[in-house]
Amino acid sequence: MGESEAMHPIVGYRDDKSDPENYICLLVDIPGLRKKVFGDKPANADIDLEIHNDRSFTITVVLHKKPKDETYAYTVKKLPNSITTAEKNYWKIKNKDEVQVFLHKASKGRWVSSVGSADLETATD
């Protein structure tokens, strides 16, 4: 499935509960996503978090379903502030149907008041 055929998930934002000064958490809704019994990895999907630069990223989820896979993609082209390099940014599955993406802020502070899906420059190809 090509990138132009990817479905766009519903995404919510909040400052991370355990470290709100350093991380922003994106809650990406993927209907049908299942978590493995142990750990925080998906049981039926492949997930890729690509950091393009200090203010842009894409998360792609390929949900393995029969008769064919479903691809969900979400790209932010311009965050309100910078994030750090790729190794400090990560994702995990905590709840059914939801990927949590944690982006490490380059400078401390809370973003939740300045971040909302309406406030971001996103790609919707």
PDB file of N, CA and C in Angstrom:
ATOM      1  N   MET A   1       0.841  -1.170   0.000  1.00  0.00           N
ATOM      2  CA  MET A   1       0.000   0.000   0.000  1.00  0.00           C
ATOM      3  C   MET A   1       0.885   1.231   0.000  1.00  0.00           C
ATOM      4  N   GLY A   2       0.699   2.134  -0.931  1.00  0.00           N
ATOM      5  CA  GLY A   2       1.516   3.323  -1.048  1.00  0.00           C
ATOM      6  C   GLY A   2       1.192   4.340   0.027  1.00  0.00           C
ATOM      7  N   GLU A   3       2.079   5.331   0.170  1.00  0.00           N
ATOM      8  CA  GLU A   3       1.893   6.332   1.206  1.00  0.00           C
ATOM      9  C   GLU A   3       0.618   7.130   0.980  1.00  0.00           C
ATOM     10  N   SER A   4       0.256   7.362  -0.287  1.00  0.00           N
ATOM     11  CA  SER A   4      -0.947   8.138  -0.567  1.00  0.00           C
ATOM     12  C   SER A   4      -2.208   7.367  -0.201  1.00  0.00           C
ATOM     13  N   GLU A   5      -2.095   6.047  -0.038  1.00  0.00           N
ATOM     14  CA  GLU A   5      -3.240   5.221   0.321  1.00  0.00           C
ATOM     15  C   GLU A   5      -3.354   5.013   1.829  1.00  0.00           C
ATOM     16  N   ALA A   6      -2.432   5.552   2.592  1.00  0.00           N
ATOM     17  CA  ALA A   6      -2.454   5.366   4.041  1.00  0.00           C
ATOM     18  C   ALA A   6      -3.637   6.104   4.648  1.00  0.00           C
ATOM     19  N   MET A   7      -4.233   5.478   5.644  1.00  0.00           N
ATOM     20  CA  MET A   7      -5.325   6.102   6.383  1.00  0.00           C
ATOM     21  C   MET A   7      -4.728   6.990   7.468  1.00  0.00           C
ATOM     22  N   HIS A   8      -5.464   7.997   7.875  1.00  0.00           N
ATOM     23  CA  HIS A   8      -4.967   8.924   8.880  1.00  0.00           C
ATOM     24  C   HIS A   8      -5.647   8.641  10.213  1.00  0.00           C
ATOM     25  N   PRO A   9      -4.853   8.336  11.233  1.00  0.00           N
ATOM     26  CA  PRO A   9      -5.424   8.010  12.546  1.00  0.00           C
ATOM     27  C   PRO A   9      -5.890   9.264  13.284  1.00  0.00           C
ATOM     28  N   ILE A  10      -6.667   9.047  14.321  1.00  0.00           N
ATOM     29  CA  ILE A  10      -7.048  10.122  15.236  1.00  0.00           C
ATOM     30  C   ILE A  10      -5.899  10.271  16.231  1.00  0.00           C
ATOM     31  N   VAL A  11      -5.474  11.503  16.468  1.00  0.00           N
ATOM     32  CA  VAL A  11      -4.315  11.750  17.320  1.00  0.00           C
ATOM     33  C   VAL A  11      -4.673  12.777  18.392  1.00  0.00           C
ATOM     34  N   GLY A  12      -4.262  12.493  19.632  1.00  0.00           N
ATOM     35  CA  GLY A  12      -4.417  13.432  20.732  1.00  0.00           C
ATOM     36  C   GLY A  12      -3.060  13.721  21.337  1.00  0.00           C
ATOM     37  N   TYR A  13      -2.948  14.799  22.078  1.00  0.00           N
ATOM     38  CA  TYR A  13      -1.679  15.215  22.663  1.00  0.00           C
ATOM     39  C   TYR A  13      -1.849  15.505  24.142  1.00  0.00           C
ATOM     40  N   ARG A  14      -0.765  15.260  24.901  1.00  0.00           N
ATOM     41  CA  ARG A  14      -0.706  15.679  26.299  1.00  0.00           C
ATOM     42  C   ARG A  14       0.755  15.678  26.723  1.00  0.00           C
ATOM     43  N   ASP A  15       1.088  16.522  27.693  1.00  0.00           N
ATOM     44  CA  ASP A  15       2.420  16.428  28.273  1.00  0.00           C
ATOM     45  C   ASP A  15       2.496  15.082  28.983  1.00  0.00           C
ATOM     46  N   ASP A  16       3.647  14.427  28.912  1.00  0.00           N
ATOM     47  CA  ASP A  16       3.814  13.124  29.543  1.00  0.00           C
ATOM     48  C   ASP A  16       3.545  13.235  31.042  1.00  0.00           C
ATOM     49  N   LYS A  17       2.802  12.272  31.574  1.00  0.00           N
ATOM     50  CA  LYS A  17       2.423  12.308  32.989  1.00  0.00           C
ATOM     51  C   LYS A  17       3.630  12.205  33.923  1.00  0.00           C
ATOM     52  N   SER A  18       4.613  11.367  33.581  1.00  0.00           N
ATOM     53  CA  SER A  18       5.739  11.151  34.486  1.00  0.00           C
ATOM     54  C   SER A  18       6.867  12.172  34.297  1.00  0.00           C
ATOM     55  N   ASP A  19       6.957  12.814  33.135  1.00  0.00           N
ATOM     56  CA  ASP A  19       8.035  13.775  32.877  1.00  0.00           C
ATOM     57  C   ASP A  19       7.531  14.876  31.939  1.00  0.00           C
ATOM     58  N   PRO A  20       6.570  15.700  32.392  1.00  0.00           N
ATOM     59  CA  PRO A  20       5.929  16.674  31.506  1.00  0.00           C
ATOM     60  C   PRO A  20       6.840  17.773  30.996  1.00  0.00           C
ATOM     61  N   GLU A  21       7.920  18.062  31.694  1.00  0.00           N
ATOM     62  CA  GLU A  21       8.843  19.108  31.249  1.00  0.00           C
ATOM     63  C   GLU A  21       9.708  18.647  30.076  1.00  0.00           C
ATOM     64  N   ASN A  22       9.935  17.326  29.959  1.00  0.00           N
ATOM     65  CA  ASN A  22      10.857  16.808  28.949  1.00  0.00           C
ATOM     66  C   ASN A  22      10.200  16.056  27.796  1.00  0.00           C
ATOM     67  N   TYR A  23       8.977  15.556  27.971  1.00  0.00           N
ATOM     68  CA  TYR A  23       8.338  14.750  26.920  1.00  0.00           C
ATOM     69  C   TYR A  23       6.922  15.217  26.634  1.00  0.00           C
ATOM     70  N   ILE A  24       6.557  15.168  25.370  1.00  0.00           N
ATOM     71  CA  ILE A  24       5.169  15.319  24.939  1.00  0.00           C
ATOM     72  C   ILE A  24       4.716  13.936  24.492  1.00  0.00           C
ATOM     73  N   CYS A  25       3.494  13.561  24.806  1.00  0.00           N
ATOM     74  CA  CYS A  25       2.964  12.245  24.448  1.00  0.00           C
ATOM     75  C   CYS A  25       1.863  12.415  23.411  1.00  0.00           C
ATOM     76  N   LEU A  26       1.969  11.703  22.315  1.00  0.00           N
ATOM     77  CA  LEU A  26       0.927  11.663  21.295  1.00  0.00           C
ATOM     78  C   LEU A  26       0.178  10.357  21.469  1.00  0.00           C
ATOM     79  N   LEU A  27      -1.119  10.412  21.452  1.00  0.00           N
ATOM     80  CA  LEU A  27      -1.956   9.227  21.573  1.00  0.00           C
ATOM     81  C   LEU A  27      -2.560   8.969  20.200  1.00  0.00           C
ATOM     82  N   VAL A  28      -2.083   7.932  19.525  1.00  0.00           N
ATOM     83  CA  VAL A  28      -2.478   7.637  18.148  1.00  0.00           C
ATOM     84  C   VAL A  28      -3.445   6.460  18.159  1.00  0.00           C
ATOM     85  N   ASP A  29      -4.681   6.697  17.740  1.00  0.00           N
ATOM     86  CA  ASP A  29      -5.737   5.689  17.752  1.00  0.00           C
ATOM     87  C   ASP A  29      -5.684   4.853  16.476  1.00  0.00           C
ATOM     88  N   ILE A  30      -5.449   3.550  16.635  1.00  0.00           N
ATOM     89  CA  ILE A  30      -5.395   2.601  15.524  1.00  0.00           C
ATOM     90  C   ILE A  30      -6.407   1.492  15.819  1.00  0.00           C
ATOM     91  N   PRO A  31      -7.623   1.562  15.249  1.00  0.00           N
ATOM     92  CA  PRO A  31      -8.636   0.528  15.513  1.00  0.00           C
ATOM     93  C   PRO A  31      -8.139  -0.870  15.125  1.00  0.00           C
ATOM     94  N   GLY A  32      -8.253  -1.809  16.037  1.00  0.00           N
ATOM     95  CA  GLY A  32      -7.838  -3.184  15.773  1.00  0.00           C
ATOM     96  C   GLY A  32      -6.442  -3.522  16.250  1.00  0.00           C
ATOM     97  N   LEU A  33      -5.676  -2.540  16.707  1.00  0.00           N
ATOM     98  CA  LEU A  33      -4.326  -2.784  17.202  1.00  0.00           C
ATOM     99  C   LEU A  33      -4.399  -3.555  18.516  1.00  0.00           C
ATOM    100  N   ARG A  34      -3.575  -4.601  18.612  1.00  0.00           N
ATOM    101  CA  ARG A  34      -3.523  -5.405  19.838  1.00  0.00           C
ATOM    102  C   ARG A  34      -2.113  -5.377  20.408  1.00  0.00           C
ATOM    103  N   LYS A  35      -2.039  -5.424  21.721  1.00  0.00           N
ATOM    104  CA  LYS A  35      -0.769  -5.433  22.449  1.00  0.00           C
ATOM    105  C   LYS A  35      -0.376  -6.866  22.759  1.00  0.00           C
ATOM    106  N   LYS A  36       0.928  -7.148  22.728  1.00  0.00           N
ATOM    107  CA  LYS A  36       1.404  -8.454  23.171  1.00  0.00           C
ATOM    108  C   LYS A  36       1.099  -8.606  24.657  1.00  0.00           C
ATOM    109  N   VAL A  37       0.946  -9.855  25.109  1.00  0.00           N
ATOM    110  CA  VAL A  37       0.605 -10.128  26.504  1.00  0.00           C
ATOM    111  C   VAL A  37       1.654  -9.547  27.441  1.00  0.00           C
ATOM    112  N   PHE A  38       2.921  -9.733  27.109  1.00  0.00           N
ATOM    113  CA  PHE A  38       4.005  -9.204  27.936  1.00  0.00           C
ATOM    114  C   PHE A  38       4.754  -8.143  27.153  1.00  0.00           C
ATOM    115  N   GLY A  39       5.057  -7.043  27.797  1.00  0.00           N
ATOM    116  CA  GLY A  39       5.807  -5.970  27.154  1.00  0.00           C
ATOM    117  C   GLY A  39       4.906  -4.893  26.589  1.00  0.00           C
ATOM    118  N   ASP A  40       5.502  -4.030  25.780  1.00  0.00           N
ATOM    119  CA  ASP A  40       4.770  -2.901  25.226  1.00  0.00           C
ATOM    120  C   ASP A  40       4.853  -2.844  23.700  1.00  0.00           C
ATOM    121  N   LYS A  41       4.930  -4.017  23.077  1.00  0.00           N
ATOM    122  CA  LYS A  41       5.017  -4.122  21.618  1.00  0.00           C
ATOM    123  C   LYS A  41       3.682  -4.596  21.051  1.00  0.00           C
ATOM    124  N   PRO A  42       3.442  -4.309  19.769  1.00  0.00           N
ATOM    125  CA  PRO A  42       2.178  -4.742  19.155  1.00  0.00           C
ATOM    126  C   PRO A  42       2.196  -6.226  18.801  1.00  0.00           C
ATOM    127  N   ALA A  43       1.032  -6.855  18.884  1.00  0.00           N
ATOM    128  CA  ALA A  43       0.898  -8.271  18.528  1.00  0.00           C
ATOM    129  C   ALA A  43       0.585  -8.444  17.045  1.00  0.00           C
ATOM    130  N   ASN A  44       0.021  -7.411  16.416  1.00  0.00           N
ATOM    131  CA  ASN A  44      -0.452  -7.577  15.041  1.00  0.00           C
ATOM    132  C   ASN A  44      -0.103  -6.398  14.137  1.00  0.00           C
ATOM    133  N   ALA A  45       1.034  -5.751  14.397  1.00  0.00           N
ATOM    134  CA  ALA A  45       1.389  -4.590  13.588  1.00  0.00           C
ATOM    135  C   ALA A  45       2.892  -4.357  13.589  1.00  0.00           C
ATOM    136  N   ASP A  46       3.324  -3.585  12.596  1.00  0.00           N
ATOM    137  CA  ASP A  46       4.689  -3.066  12.543  1.00  0.00           C
ATOM    138  C   ASP A  46       4.575  -1.549  12.677  1.00  0.00           C
ATOM    139  N   ILE A  47       5.438  -0.969  13.503  1.00  0.00           N
ATOM    140  CA  ILE A  47       5.378   0.460  13.764  1.00  0.00           C
ATOM    141  C   ILE A  47       6.741   1.078  13.474  1.00  0.00           C
ATOM    142  N   ASP A  48       6.718   2.220  12.776  1.00  0.00           N
ATOM    143  CA  ASP A  48       7.951   2.929  12.457  1.00  0.00           C
ATOM    144  C   ASP A  48       7.785   4.391  12.847  1.00  0.00           C
ATOM    145  N   LEU A  49       8.707   4.891  13.651  1.00  0.00           N
ATOM    146  CA  LEU A  49       8.753   6.308  14.008  1.00  0.00           C
ATOM    147  C   LEU A  49       9.975   6.892  13.333  1.00  0.00           C
ATOM    148  N   GLU A  50       9.753   7.797  12.398  1.00  0.00           N
ATOM    149  CA  GLU A  50      10.843   8.411  11.649  1.00  0.00           C
ATOM    150  C   GLU A  50      10.928   9.884  12.030  1.00  0.00           C
ATOM    151  N   ILE A  51      12.085  10.283  12.563  1.00  0.00           N
ATOM    152  CA  ILE A  51      12.331  11.675  12.909  1.00  0.00           C
ATOM    153  C   ILE A  51      13.020  12.300  11.697  1.00  0.00           C
ATOM    154  N   HIS A  52      12.355  13.266  11.051  1.00  0.00           N
ATOM    155  CA  HIS A  52      12.907  13.893   9.838  1.00  0.00           C
ATOM    156  C   HIS A  52      13.936  14.964  10.189  1.00  0.00           C
ATOM    157  N   ASN A  53      13.612  15.788  11.161  1.00  0.00           N
ATOM    158  CA  ASN A  53      14.521  16.828  11.657  1.00  0.00           C
ATOM    159  C   ASN A  53      14.041  17.207  13.052  1.00  0.00           C
ATOM    160  N   ASP A  54      14.541  18.297  13.599  1.00  0.00           N
ATOM    161  CA  ASP A  54      14.198  18.627  14.989  1.00  0.00           C
ATOM    162  C   ASP A  54      12.769  19.123  15.187  1.00  0.00           C
ATOM    163  N   ARG A  55      11.981  19.271  14.108  1.00  0.00           N
ATOM    164  CA  ARG A  55      10.588  19.713  14.262  1.00  0.00           C
ATOM    165  C   ARG A  55       9.610  18.909  13.416  1.00  0.00           C
ATOM    166  N   SER A  56      10.061  17.781  12.869  1.00  0.00           N
ATOM    167  CA  SER A  56       9.203  17.016  11.966  1.00  0.00           C
ATOM    168  C   SER A  56       9.391  15.511  12.169  1.00  0.00           C
ATOM    169  N   PHE A  57       8.280  14.766  12.072  1.00  0.00           N
ATOM    170  CA  PHE A  57       8.342  13.316  12.215  1.00  0.00           C
ATOM    171  C   PHE A  57       7.150  12.674  11.514  1.00  0.00           C
ATOM    172  N   THR A  58       7.261  11.366  11.314  1.00  0.00           N
ATOM    173  CA  THR A  58       6.167  10.550  10.782  1.00  0.00           C
ATOM    174  C   THR A  58       6.086   9.274  11.596  1.00  0.00           C
ATOM    175  N   ILE A  59       4.868   8.889  11.952  1.00  0.00           N
ATOM    176  CA  ILE A  59       4.652   7.566  12.533  1.00  0.00           C
ATOM    177  C   ILE A  59       3.796   6.787  11.543  1.00  0.00           C
ATOM    178  N   THR A  60       4.247   5.579  11.236  1.00  0.00           N
ATOM    179  CA  THR A  60       3.531   4.702  10.313  1.00  0.00           C
ATOM    180  C   THR A  60       3.247   3.389  11.027  1.00  0.00           C
ATOM    181  N   VAL A  61       1.992   2.948  10.956  1.00  0.00           N
ATOM    182  CA  VAL A  61       1.582   1.679  11.551  1.00  0.00           C
ATOM    183  C   VAL A  61       0.989   0.819  10.452  1.00  0.00           C
ATOM    184  N   VAL A  62       1.568  -0.363  10.255  1.00  0.00           N
ATOM    185  CA  VAL A  62       1.018  -1.336   9.307  1.00  0.00           C
ATOM    186  C   VAL A  62       0.325  -2.398  10.144  1.00  0.00           C
ATOM    187  N   LEU A  63      -0.995  -2.381  10.096  1.00  0.00           N
ATOM    188  CA  LEU A  63      -1.825  -3.309  10.858  1.00  0.00           C
ATOM    189  C   LEU A  63      -2.044  -4.555  10.006  1.00  0.00           C
ATOM    190  N   HIS A  64      -1.604  -5.710  10.512  1.00  0.00           N
ATOM    191  CA  HIS A  64      -1.709  -6.965   9.768  1.00  0.00           C
ATOM    192  C   HIS A  64      -3.111  -7.542   9.922  1.00  0.00           C
ATOM    193  N   LYS A  65      -3.868  -7.487   8.830  1.00  0.00           N
ATOM    194  CA  LYS A  65      -5.248  -7.979   8.817  1.00  0.00           C
ATOM    195  C   LYS A  65      -5.450  -8.807   7.554  1.00  0.00           C
ATOM    196  N   LYS A  66      -6.415  -9.697   7.616  1.00  0.00           N
ATOM    197  CA  LYS A  66      -6.771 -10.475   6.435  1.00  0.00           C
ATOM    198  C   LYS A  66      -8.006  -9.848   5.822  1.00  0.00           C
ATOM    199  N   PRO A  67      -8.144  -9.722   4.550  1.00  0.00           N
ATOM    200  CA  PRO A  67      -7.299 -10.275   3.499  1.00  0.00           C
ATOM    201  C   PRO A  67      -6.075  -9.425   3.177  1.00  0.00           C
ATOM    202  N   LYS A  68      -6.024  -8.123   3.597  1.00  0.00           N
ATOM    203  CA  LYS A  68      -4.807  -7.347   3.331  1.00  0.00           C
ATOM    204  C   LYS A  68      -4.534  -6.383   4.483  1.00  0.00           C
ATOM    205  N   ASP A  69      -3.264  -5.995   4.593  1.00  0.00           N
ATOM    206  CA  ASP A  69      -2.830  -5.102   5.654  1.00  0.00           C
ATOM    207  C   ASP A  69      -3.435  -3.707   5.478  1.00  0.00           C
ATOM    208  N   GLU A  70      -3.578  -3.001   6.598  1.00  0.00           N
ATOM    209  CA  GLU A  70      -4.013  -1.610   6.587  1.00  0.00           C
ATOM    210  C   GLU A  70      -2.857  -0.751   7.074  1.00  0.00           C
ATOM    211  N   THR A  71      -2.588   0.347   6.374  1.00  0.00           N
ATOM    212  CA  THR A  71      -1.508   1.249   6.753  1.00  0.00           C
ATOM    213  C   THR A  71      -2.088   2.566   7.251  1.00  0.00           C
ATOM    214  N   TYR A  72      -1.608   3.001   8.411  1.00  0.00           N
ATOM    215  CA  TYR A  72      -1.979   4.289   8.994  1.00  0.00           C
ATOM    216  C   TYR A  72      -0.705   5.128   9.060  1.00  0.00           C
ATOM    217  N   ALA A  73      -0.793   6.378   8.655  1.00  0.00           N
ATOM    218  CA  ALA A  73       0.375   7.253   8.701  1.00  0.00           C
ATOM    219  C   ALA A  73      -0.038   8.623   9.207  1.00  0.00           C
ATOM    220  N   TYR A  74       0.836   9.212  10.022  1.00  0.00           N
ATOM    221  CA  TYR A  74       0.605  10.544  10.546  1.00  0.00           C
ATOM    222  C   TYR A  74       1.929  11.287  10.510  1.00  0.00           C
ATOM    223  N   THR A  75       1.956  12.418   9.820  1.00  0.00           N
ATOM    224  CA  THR A  75       3.163  13.221   9.683  1.00  0.00           C
ATOM    225  C   THR A  75       2.923  14.599  10.252  1.00  0.00           C
ATOM    226  N   VAL A  76       3.856  15.058  11.062  1.00  0.00           N
ATOM    227  CA  VAL A  76       3.861  16.445  11.513  1.00  0.00           C
ATOM    228  C   VAL A  76       5.054  17.100  10.839  1.00  0.00           C
ATOM    229  N   LYS A  77       4.773  18.152  10.085  1.00  0.00           N
ATOM    230  CA  LYS A  77       5.832  18.849   9.363  1.00  0.00           C
ATOM    231  C   LYS A  77       6.469  19.961  10.180  1.00  0.00           C
ATOM    232  N   LYS A  78       5.743  20.471  11.202  1.00  0.00           N
ATOM    233  CA  LYS A  78       6.312  21.562  11.995  1.00  0.00           C
ATOM    234  C   LYS A  78       5.731  21.562  13.406  1.00  0.00           C
ATOM    235  N   LEU A  79       6.525  21.063  14.354  1.00  0.00           N
ATOM    236  CA  LEU A  79       6.165  21.129  15.765  1.00  0.00           C
ATOM    237  C   LEU A  79       6.371  22.557  16.269  1.00  0.00           C
ATOM    238  N   PRO A  80       5.735  22.958  17.375  1.00  0.00           N
ATOM    239  CA  PRO A  80       5.895  24.326  17.866  1.00  0.00           C
ATOM    240  C   PRO A  80       7.295  24.622  18.402  1.00  0.00           C
ATOM    241  N   ASN A  81       8.016  23.581  18.830  1.00  0.00           N
ATOM    242  CA  ASN A  81       9.388  23.721  19.319  1.00  0.00           C
ATOM    243  C   ASN A  81      10.171  22.487  18.875  1.00  0.00           C
ATOM    244  N   SER A  82      11.466  22.489  19.142  1.00  0.00           N
ATOM    245  CA  SER A  82      12.344  21.406  18.692  1.00  0.00           C
ATOM    246  C   SER A  82      12.270  20.177  19.593  1.00  0.00           C
ATOM    247  N   ILE A  83      12.528  19.009  18.962  1.00  0.00           N
ATOM    248  CA  ILE A  83      12.703  17.755  19.691  1.00  0.00           C
ATOM    249  C   ILE A  83      14.143  17.301  19.490  1.00  0.00           C
ATOM    250  N   THR A  84      14.587  16.366  20.326  1.00  0.00           N
ATOM    251  CA  THR A  84      15.967  15.894  20.249  1.00  0.00           C
ATOM    252  C   THR A  84      16.112  14.802  19.201  1.00  0.00           C
ATOM    253  N   THR A  85      17.289  14.248  19.145  1.00  0.00           N
ATOM    254  CA  THR A  85      17.600  13.214  18.169  1.00  0.00           C
ATOM    255  C   THR A  85      16.763  11.960  18.378  1.00  0.00           C
ATOM    256  N   ALA A  86      16.782  11.099  17.399  1.00  0.00           N
ATOM    257  CA  ALA A  86      15.905   9.928  17.342  1.00  0.00           C
ATOM    258  C   ALA A  86      16.003   8.993  18.547  1.00  0.00           C
ATOM    259  N   GLU A  87      17.181   8.797  19.134  1.00  0.00           N
ATOM    260  CA  GLU A  87      17.306   7.801  20.203  1.00  0.00           C
ATOM    261  C   GLU A  87      16.535   8.149  21.474  1.00  0.00           C
ATOM    262  N   LYS A  88      16.159   9.387  21.675  1.00  0.00           N
ATOM    263  CA  LYS A  88      15.375   9.757  22.860  1.00  0.00           C
ATOM    264  C   LYS A  88      13.877   9.805  22.570  1.00  0.00           C
ATOM    265  N   ASN A  89      13.484   9.568  21.346  1.00  0.00           N
ATOM    266  CA  ASN A  89      12.078   9.547  20.952  1.00  0.00           C
ATOM    267  C   ASN A  89      11.678   8.096  20.734  1.00  0.00           C
ATOM    268  N   TYR A  90      10.517   7.711  21.256  1.00  0.00           N
ATOM    269  CA  TYR A  90      10.131   6.303  21.188  1.00  0.00           C
ATOM    270  C   TYR A  90       8.622   6.155  21.220  1.00  0.00           C
ATOM    271  N   TRP A  91       8.160   4.928  21.016  1.00  0.00           N
ATOM    272  CA  TRP A  91       6.729   4.608  21.080  1.00  0.00           C
ATOM    273  C   TRP A  91       6.543   3.353  21.907  1.00  0.00           C
ATOM    274  N   LYS A  92       5.304   3.161  22.392  1.00  0.00           N
ATOM    275  CA  LYS A  92       4.949   1.914  23.073  1.00  0.00           C
ATOM    276  C   LYS A  92       3.442   1.732  22.977  1.00  0.00           C
ATOM    277  N   ILE A  93       3.021   0.493  23.193  1.00  0.00           N
ATOM    278  CA  ILE A  93       1.597   0.157  23.216  1.00  0.00           C
ATOM    279  C   ILE A  93       1.236  -0.058  24.679  1.00  0.00           C
ATOM    280  N   LYS A  94       0.319   0.755  25.190  1.00  0.00           N
ATOM    281  CA  LYS A  94      -0.109   0.582  26.574  1.00  0.00           C
ATOM    282  C   LYS A  94      -1.536   0.066  26.621  1.00  0.00           C
ATOM    283  N   ASN A  95      -2.367   0.544  25.724  1.00  0.00           N
ATOM    284  CA  ASN A  95      -3.771   0.165  25.673  1.00  0.00           C
ATOM    285  C   ASN A  95      -4.114  -0.397  24.301  1.00  0.00           C
ATOM    286  N   LYS A  96      -5.161  -1.212  24.252  1.00  0.00           N
ATOM    287  CA  LYS A  96      -5.655  -1.727  22.982  1.00  0.00           C
ATOM    288  C   LYS A  96      -6.035  -0.542  22.093  1.00  0.00           C
ATOM    289  N   ASP A  97      -5.752  -0.632  20.812  1.00  0.00           N
ATOM    290  CA  ASP A  97      -6.107   0.372  19.806  1.00  0.00           C
ATOM    291  C   ASP A  97      -5.338   1.686  19.936  1.00  0.00           C
ATOM    292  N   GLU A  98      -4.228   1.728  20.676  1.00  0.00           N
ATOM    293  CA  GLU A  98      -3.546   3.007  20.880  1.00  0.00           C
ATOM    294  C   GLU A  98      -2.025   2.855  20.924  1.00  0.00           C
ATOM    295  N   VAL A  99      -1.343   3.674  20.112  1.00  0.00           N
ATOM    296  CA  VAL A  99       0.111   3.795  20.165  1.00  0.00           C
ATOM    297  C   VAL A  99       0.412   5.087  20.902  1.00  0.00           C
ATOM    298  N   GLN A 100       1.298   5.021  21.882  1.00  0.00           N
ATOM    299  CA  GLN A 100       1.746   6.223  22.571  1.00  0.00           C
ATOM    300  C   GLN A 100       3.136   6.570  22.045  1.00  0.00           C
ATOM    301  N   VAL A 101       3.278   7.765  21.503  1.00  0.00           N
ATOM    302  CA  VAL A 101       4.552   8.243  20.965  1.00  0.00           C
ATOM    303  C   VAL A 101       5.085   9.296  21.927  1.00  0.00           C
ATOM    304  N   PHE A 102       6.319   9.120  22.354  1.00  0.00           N
ATOM    305  CA  PHE A 102       6.942  10.045  23.287  1.00  0.00           C
ATOM    306  C   PHE A 102       8.055  10.791  22.563  1.00  0.00           C
ATOM    307  N   LEU A 103       7.894  12.109  22.470  1.00  0.00           N
ATOM    308  CA  LEU A 103       8.881  12.963  21.820  1.00  0.00           C
ATOM    309  C   LEU A 103       9.617  13.758  22.895  1.00  0.00           C
ATOM    310  N   HIS A 104      10.951  13.673  22.860  1.00  0.00           N
ATOM    311  CA  HIS A 104      11.775  14.358  23.849  1.00  0.00           C
ATOM    312  C   HIS A 104      12.003  15.802  23.404  1.00  0.00           C
ATOM    313  N   LYS A 105      11.611  16.739  24.247  1.00  0.00           N
ATOM    314  CA  LYS A 105      11.732  18.160  23.947  1.00  0.00           C
ATOM    315  C   LYS A 105      13.197  18.595  24.056  1.00  0.00           C
ATOM    316  N   ALA A 106      13.646  19.419  23.123  1.00  0.00           N
ATOM    317  CA  ALA A 106      15.027  19.906  23.149  1.00  0.00           C
ATOM    318  C   ALA A 106      15.253  20.850  24.328  1.00  0.00           C
ATOM    319  N   SER A 107      14.213  21.590  24.710  1.00  0.00           N
ATOM    320  CA  SER A 107      14.315  22.447  25.887  1.00  0.00           C
ATOM    321  C   SER A 107      13.100  22.182  26.779  1.00  0.00           C
ATOM    322  N   LYS A 108      13.327  22.243  28.081  1.00  0.00           N
ATOM    323  CA  LYS A 108      12.256  21.933  29.035  1.00  0.00           C
ATOM    324  C   LYS A 108      11.099  22.913  28.903  1.00  0.00           C
ATOM    325  N   GLY A 109       9.922  22.417  29.209  1.00  0.00           N
ATOM    326  CA  GLY A 109       8.732  23.253  29.191  1.00  0.00           C
ATOM    327  C   GLY A 109       7.514  22.441  28.820  1.00  0.00           C
ATOM    328  N   ARG A 110       6.375  23.009  29.062  1.00  0.00           N
ATOM    329  CA  ARG A 110       5.112  22.336  28.735  1.00  0.00           C
ATOM    330  C   ARG A 110       4.614  22.826  27.389  1.00  0.00           C
ATOM    331  N   TRP A 111       4.182  21.875  26.559  1.00  0.00           N
ATOM    332  CA  TRP A 111       3.702  22.200  25.217  1.00  0.00           C
ATOM    333  C   TRP A 111       2.200  22.074  25.094  1.00  0.00           C
ATOM    334  N   VAL A 112       1.540  21.416  26.020  1.00  0.00           N
ATOM    335  CA  VAL A 112       0.152  21.033  25.814  1.00  0.00           C
ATOM    336  C   VAL A 112      -0.731  22.229  25.467  1.00  0.00           C
ATOM    337  N   SER A 113      -0.445  23.395  25.992  1.00  0.00           N
ATOM    338  CA  SER A 113      -1.269  24.556  25.659  1.00  0.00           C
ATOM    339  C   SER A 113      -0.995  25.048  24.240  1.00  0.00           C
ATOM    340  N   SER A 114       0.205  24.772  23.708  1.00  0.00           N
ATOM    341  CA  SER A 114       0.529  25.228  22.357  1.00  0.00           C
ATOM    342  C   SER A 114       0.421  24.126  21.317  1.00  0.00           C
ATOM    343  N   VAL A 115       0.110  22.905  21.745  1.00  0.00           N
ATOM    344  CA  VAL A 115       0.033  21.792  20.807  1.00  0.00           C
ATOM    345  C   VAL A 115      -1.379  21.233  20.787  1.00  0.00           C
ATOM    346  N   GLY A 116      -1.881  21.119  19.627  1.00  0.00           N
ATOM    347  CA  GLY A 116      -3.178  20.481  19.374  1.00  0.00           C
ATOM    348  C   GLY A 116      -3.186  20.169  17.898  1.00  0.00           C
ATOM    349  N   SER A 117      -3.931  19.187  17.485  1.00  0.00           N
ATOM    350  CA  SER A 117      -3.878  18.797  16.090  1.00  0.00           C
ATOM    351  C   SER A 117      -4.243  19.952  15.166  1.00  0.00           C
ATOM    352  N   ALA A 118      -5.053  20.901  15.634  1.00  0.00           N
ATOM    353  CA  ALA A 118      -5.400  22.051  14.802  1.00  0.00           C
ATOM    354  C   ALA A 118      -4.246  23.039  14.708  1.00  0.00           C
ATOM    355  N   ASP A 119      -3.322  23.005  15.685  1.00  0.00           N
ATOM    356  CA  ASP A 119      -2.227  23.968  15.731  1.00  0.00           C
ATOM    357  C   ASP A 119      -0.965  23.485  15.012  1.00  0.00           C
ATOM    358  N   LEU A 120      -0.910  22.230  14.617  1.00  0.00           N
ATOM    359  CA  LEU A 120       0.277  21.685  13.978  1.00  0.00           C
ATOM    360  C   LEU A 120       0.154  21.739  12.462  1.00  0.00           C
ATOM    361  N   GLU A 121       1.293  21.874  11.821  1.00  0.00           N
ATOM    362  CA  GLU A 121       1.325  21.783  10.366  1.00  0.00           C
ATOM    363  C   GLU A 121       1.523  20.307  10.038  1.00  0.00           C
ATOM    364  N   THR A 122       0.470  19.647   9.581  1.00  0.00           N
ATOM    365  CA  THR A 122       0.519  18.209   9.310  1.00  0.00           C
ATOM    366  C   THR A 122       0.362  17.937   7.826  1.00  0.00           C
ATOM    367  N   ALA A 123       0.827  16.766   7.431  1.00  0.00           N
ATOM    368  CA  ALA A 123       0.679  16.338   6.037  1.00  0.00           C
ATOM    369  C   ALA A 123      -0.517  15.401   5.959  1.00  0.00           C
ATOM    370  N   THR A 124      -1.359  15.585   4.975  1.00  0.00           N
ATOM    371  CA  THR A 124      -2.544  14.752   4.846  1.00  0.00           C
ATOM    372  C   THR A 124      -2.656  14.157   3.443  1.00  0.00           C
ATOM    373  N   ASP A 125      -1.521  13.826   2.850  1.00  0.00           N
ATOM    374  CA  ASP A 125      -1.544  13.217   1.504  1.00  0.00           C
ATOM    375  C   ASP A 125      -2.391  11.977   1.473  1.00  0.00           C
TER     376      ASP A 125
END
